[in-house]
Protein backbone atom coordinates (compact mmCIF):
# COMPACT_ATOMS: atom_id res chain seq x y z
CA THR A 1 93.38 103.65 51.57
CA ASP A 2 94.76 101.25 54.20
CA SER A 3 98.25 102.18 53.00
CA ALA A 4 101.21 102.30 55.37
CA ILE A 5 103.17 104.47 52.94
CA LEU A 6 103.10 108.28 52.60
CA ARG A 7 104.86 110.46 50.04
CA ALA A 8 104.08 114.19 49.92
CA ILE A 9 106.32 116.26 47.65
CA THR A 10 106.23 119.87 46.47
CA ARG A 11 105.44 120.58 42.85
CA ARG A 12 108.31 123.06 42.73
CA ARG A 13 111.62 121.50 41.78
CA ASP A 14 113.73 124.68 41.73
CA LEU A 15 114.57 124.93 45.44
CA THR A 16 118.29 125.17 46.23
CA ASP A 17 119.54 126.36 49.63
CA VAL A 18 116.69 125.90 52.10
CA THR A 19 115.83 125.20 55.71
CA VAL A 20 112.87 122.89 56.33
CA SER A 21 111.31 122.96 59.79
CA LEU A 22 108.33 121.11 61.22
CA ARG A 23 106.86 119.62 64.36
CA LEU A 24 106.42 115.86 64.31
CA ARG A 25 104.98 113.30 66.71
CA HIS A 26 105.73 109.62 66.10
CA ASP A 27 102.99 107.41 67.55
CA SER A 28 103.94 103.89 66.50
CA PHE A 29 105.43 101.61 63.88
CA VAL A 30 103.01 99.39 61.98
CA THR A 31 103.06 96.66 59.34
CA THR A 32 100.60 95.41 56.77
CA PRO A 33 100.47 92.21 54.70
CA SER A 34 101.99 94.13 51.78
CA THR A 35 104.47 96.19 53.83
CA PRO A 36 106.39 94.01 56.29
CA ALA A 37 108.75 95.59 58.82
CA THR A 38 112.08 96.93 57.52
CA ALA A 39 114.95 98.67 59.32
CA TRP A 40 114.29 101.95 57.46
CA ASP A 41 110.60 102.18 58.39
CA GLY A 42 109.85 105.58 59.90
CA GLU A 43 109.77 109.23 58.90
CA HIS A 44 112.06 110.98 56.44
CA LEU A 45 112.43 114.37 54.74
CA PHE A 46 113.24 114.72 51.06
CA LEU A 47 115.58 117.55 50.06
CA ARG A 48 116.36 118.55 46.46
CA TYR A 49 113.88 115.95 45.25
CA VAL A 50 114.13 115.73 41.44
CA ASP A 51 112.25 112.44 41.07
CA GLU A 52 112.14 109.02 42.75
CA THR A 53 115.69 108.29 41.53
CA SER A 54 117.44 111.58 42.35
CA LEU A 55 117.19 113.16 45.83
CA TYR A 56 118.64 113.64 49.30
CA SER A 57 116.88 111.97 52.23
CA VAL A 58 117.13 112.85 55.92
CA SER A 59 115.87 110.00 58.12
CA PHE A 60 115.25 111.00 61.72
CA ASP A 61 113.07 108.30 63.28
CA ARG A 62 113.66 104.80 61.94
CA ARG A 63 112.54 101.43 63.24
CA ASP A 64 116.19 100.44 63.76
CA GLY A 65 116.77 103.49 66.01
CA SER A 66 119.07 105.28 63.60
CA THR A 67 119.26 108.59 61.81
CA ALA A 68 120.71 108.91 58.32
CA ILE A 69 121.47 111.38 55.57
CA LYS A 70 121.45 109.69 52.18
CA LYS A 71 121.77 110.57 48.53
CA LYS A 72 119.90 108.67 45.85
CA VAL A 73 121.14 108.65 42.27
CA PRO A 74 119.64 107.13 39.11
CA GLY A 75 120.43 103.52 38.24
CA GLY A 76 119.97 100.67 40.63
CA THR A 77 117.52 98.32 42.25
CA SER A 78 115.85 100.67 44.75
CA ASN A 79 112.94 102.01 42.68
CA GLY A 80 115.30 102.80 39.80
CA GLY A 81 118.09 104.27 41.92
CA THR A 82 120.89 103.60 44.38
CA TYR A 83 121.13 105.08 47.89
CA TYR A 84 124.48 106.21 49.31
CA THR A 85 124.72 106.88 53.04
CA LEU A 86 126.49 110.20 53.63
CA ALA A 87 126.15 110.12 57.45
CA SER A 88 124.43 108.03 60.12
CA GLY A 89 123.81 108.12 63.84
CA THR A 90 121.27 107.16 66.49
CA ASP A 91 117.91 108.79 67.13
CA SER A 92 116.48 109.94 70.44
CA PHE A 93 112.81 110.14 69.50
CA VAL A 94 110.26 109.61 72.24
CA ALA A 95 107.03 108.12 70.88
CA GLY A 96 103.93 110.19 71.59
CA SER A 97 105.81 113.49 72.03
CA PHE A 98 106.10 116.32 69.52
CA HIS A 99 109.63 117.15 68.38
CA ASP A 100 110.87 120.23 66.55
CA LEU A 101 112.83 119.18 63.47
CA ARG A 102 115.02 121.28 61.22
CA ALA A 103 116.99 120.22 58.17
CA THR A 104 119.26 122.49 56.13
CA ILE A 105 120.84 122.04 52.73
CA ARG A 106 123.37 124.41 51.16
CA THR A 107 125.72 124.42 48.18
CA THR A 108 129.19 125.64 49.16
CA SER A 109 131.54 127.78 47.08
CA ASN A 110 133.40 124.65 45.90
CA GLY A 111 130.17 123.00 44.67
CA SER A 112 129.81 120.46 47.46
CA VAL A 113 126.49 120.19 49.32
CA THR A 114 126.18 120.35 53.11
CA ILE A 115 123.17 118.88 54.90
CA GLY A 116 122.32 119.16 58.59
CA LEU A 117 119.66 117.80 60.95
CA TRP A 118 118.56 119.28 64.29
CA VAL A 119 116.06 117.72 66.71
CA ASP A 120 114.61 119.96 69.42
CA GLY A 121 117.32 122.55 68.70
CA THR A 122 120.20 120.09 69.09
CA PRO A 123 122.44 119.25 66.12
CA VAL A 124 122.07 115.53 65.46
CA LEU A 125 123.72 114.79 62.12
CA SER A 126 125.57 116.52 59.30
CA ALA A 127 127.04 115.45 55.98
CA ILE A 128 128.93 116.82 53.00
CA ASP A 129 128.32 115.51 49.48
CA ILE A 130 131.40 116.05 47.34
CA GLY A 131 130.04 113.91 44.51
CA VAL A 132 129.31 110.52 46.08
CA GLY A 133 127.77 108.28 43.41
CA GLY A 134 127.53 111.21 41.00
CA PRO A 135 127.60 115.01 41.04
CA PRO A 136 125.88 116.85 43.89
CA ILE A 137 122.19 117.49 43.21
CA PRO A 138 121.83 121.24 42.52
CA SER A 139 118.10 121.78 43.09
CA GLY A 140 114.76 120.06 43.53
CA GLY A 141 111.67 119.94 45.70
CA ILE A 142 111.12 119.01 49.32
CA GLY A 143 108.88 116.37 50.76
CA ILE A 144 107.98 114.15 53.66
CA ARG A 145 107.95 110.38 53.59
CA GLY A 146 106.52 107.84 55.99
CA ASP A 147 106.94 104.08 55.86
CA ASN A 148 105.04 101.75 58.22
CA ALA A 149 104.65 104.54 60.77
CA GLU A 150 101.74 106.36 62.35
CA PHE A 151 102.71 109.98 62.90
CA THR A 152 101.42 113.54 62.88
CA PHE A 153 103.24 116.58 61.54
CA ASP A 154 102.41 120.27 61.70
CA ASP A 155 103.89 123.69 61.00
CA LEU A 156 105.96 122.59 57.99
CA VAL A 157 107.87 125.67 56.80
CA VAL A 158 110.45 126.04 54.03
CA THR A 159 112.71 129.12 54.08
CA SER A 160 115.71 130.20 52.06
CA PRO A 161 118.68 132.14 53.50
C-alpha cells in the first residue's frame, strides 16, 4: 500500500491487567510525501485501547531518541483526543538488532493504573495514572503502532497475572 503507517489492534476490548511481550527489530526510519518526519515516528504499543481517542501508549523507539508512556483521552486535536505524557526517558535501541520488549499494565487497589516498560530485561520506564486528563482507563485492547519506521516483530504474547 506504500503506507508508512501501521496500526494493528485486537478485537477484544475487555483486557485489564496484562503483560505484553514481543521481539522487535527496528531497521530504519523512513518518510513519504504524505508522512514527513516527526519526533514521535517509531514503534509503540497500545494498552487498554478503547478507540483512537481513549488509550495508553508505550513508545520505545522514537525518531527523537526518547521513550514515553502516554495516556490519550477524548477531546482534542490529535485525531479527536489529547495525549498526556505520564513518563518519558531515552531509548537505547540498536538498529538492526532484535530486542525483547515487555510492557505491563495493572490497576491498583486505589484505582490508579501502573504501567511499566522493560527492554532486554532491563526496566526502562514506569508511570502511574491517578486520573491525568480524566479517570484511569479500566480496560481495552492491545495493539502495535508504527509510524515512518521499517521494523519486524515476532512472538507477540499477551498474558494476564
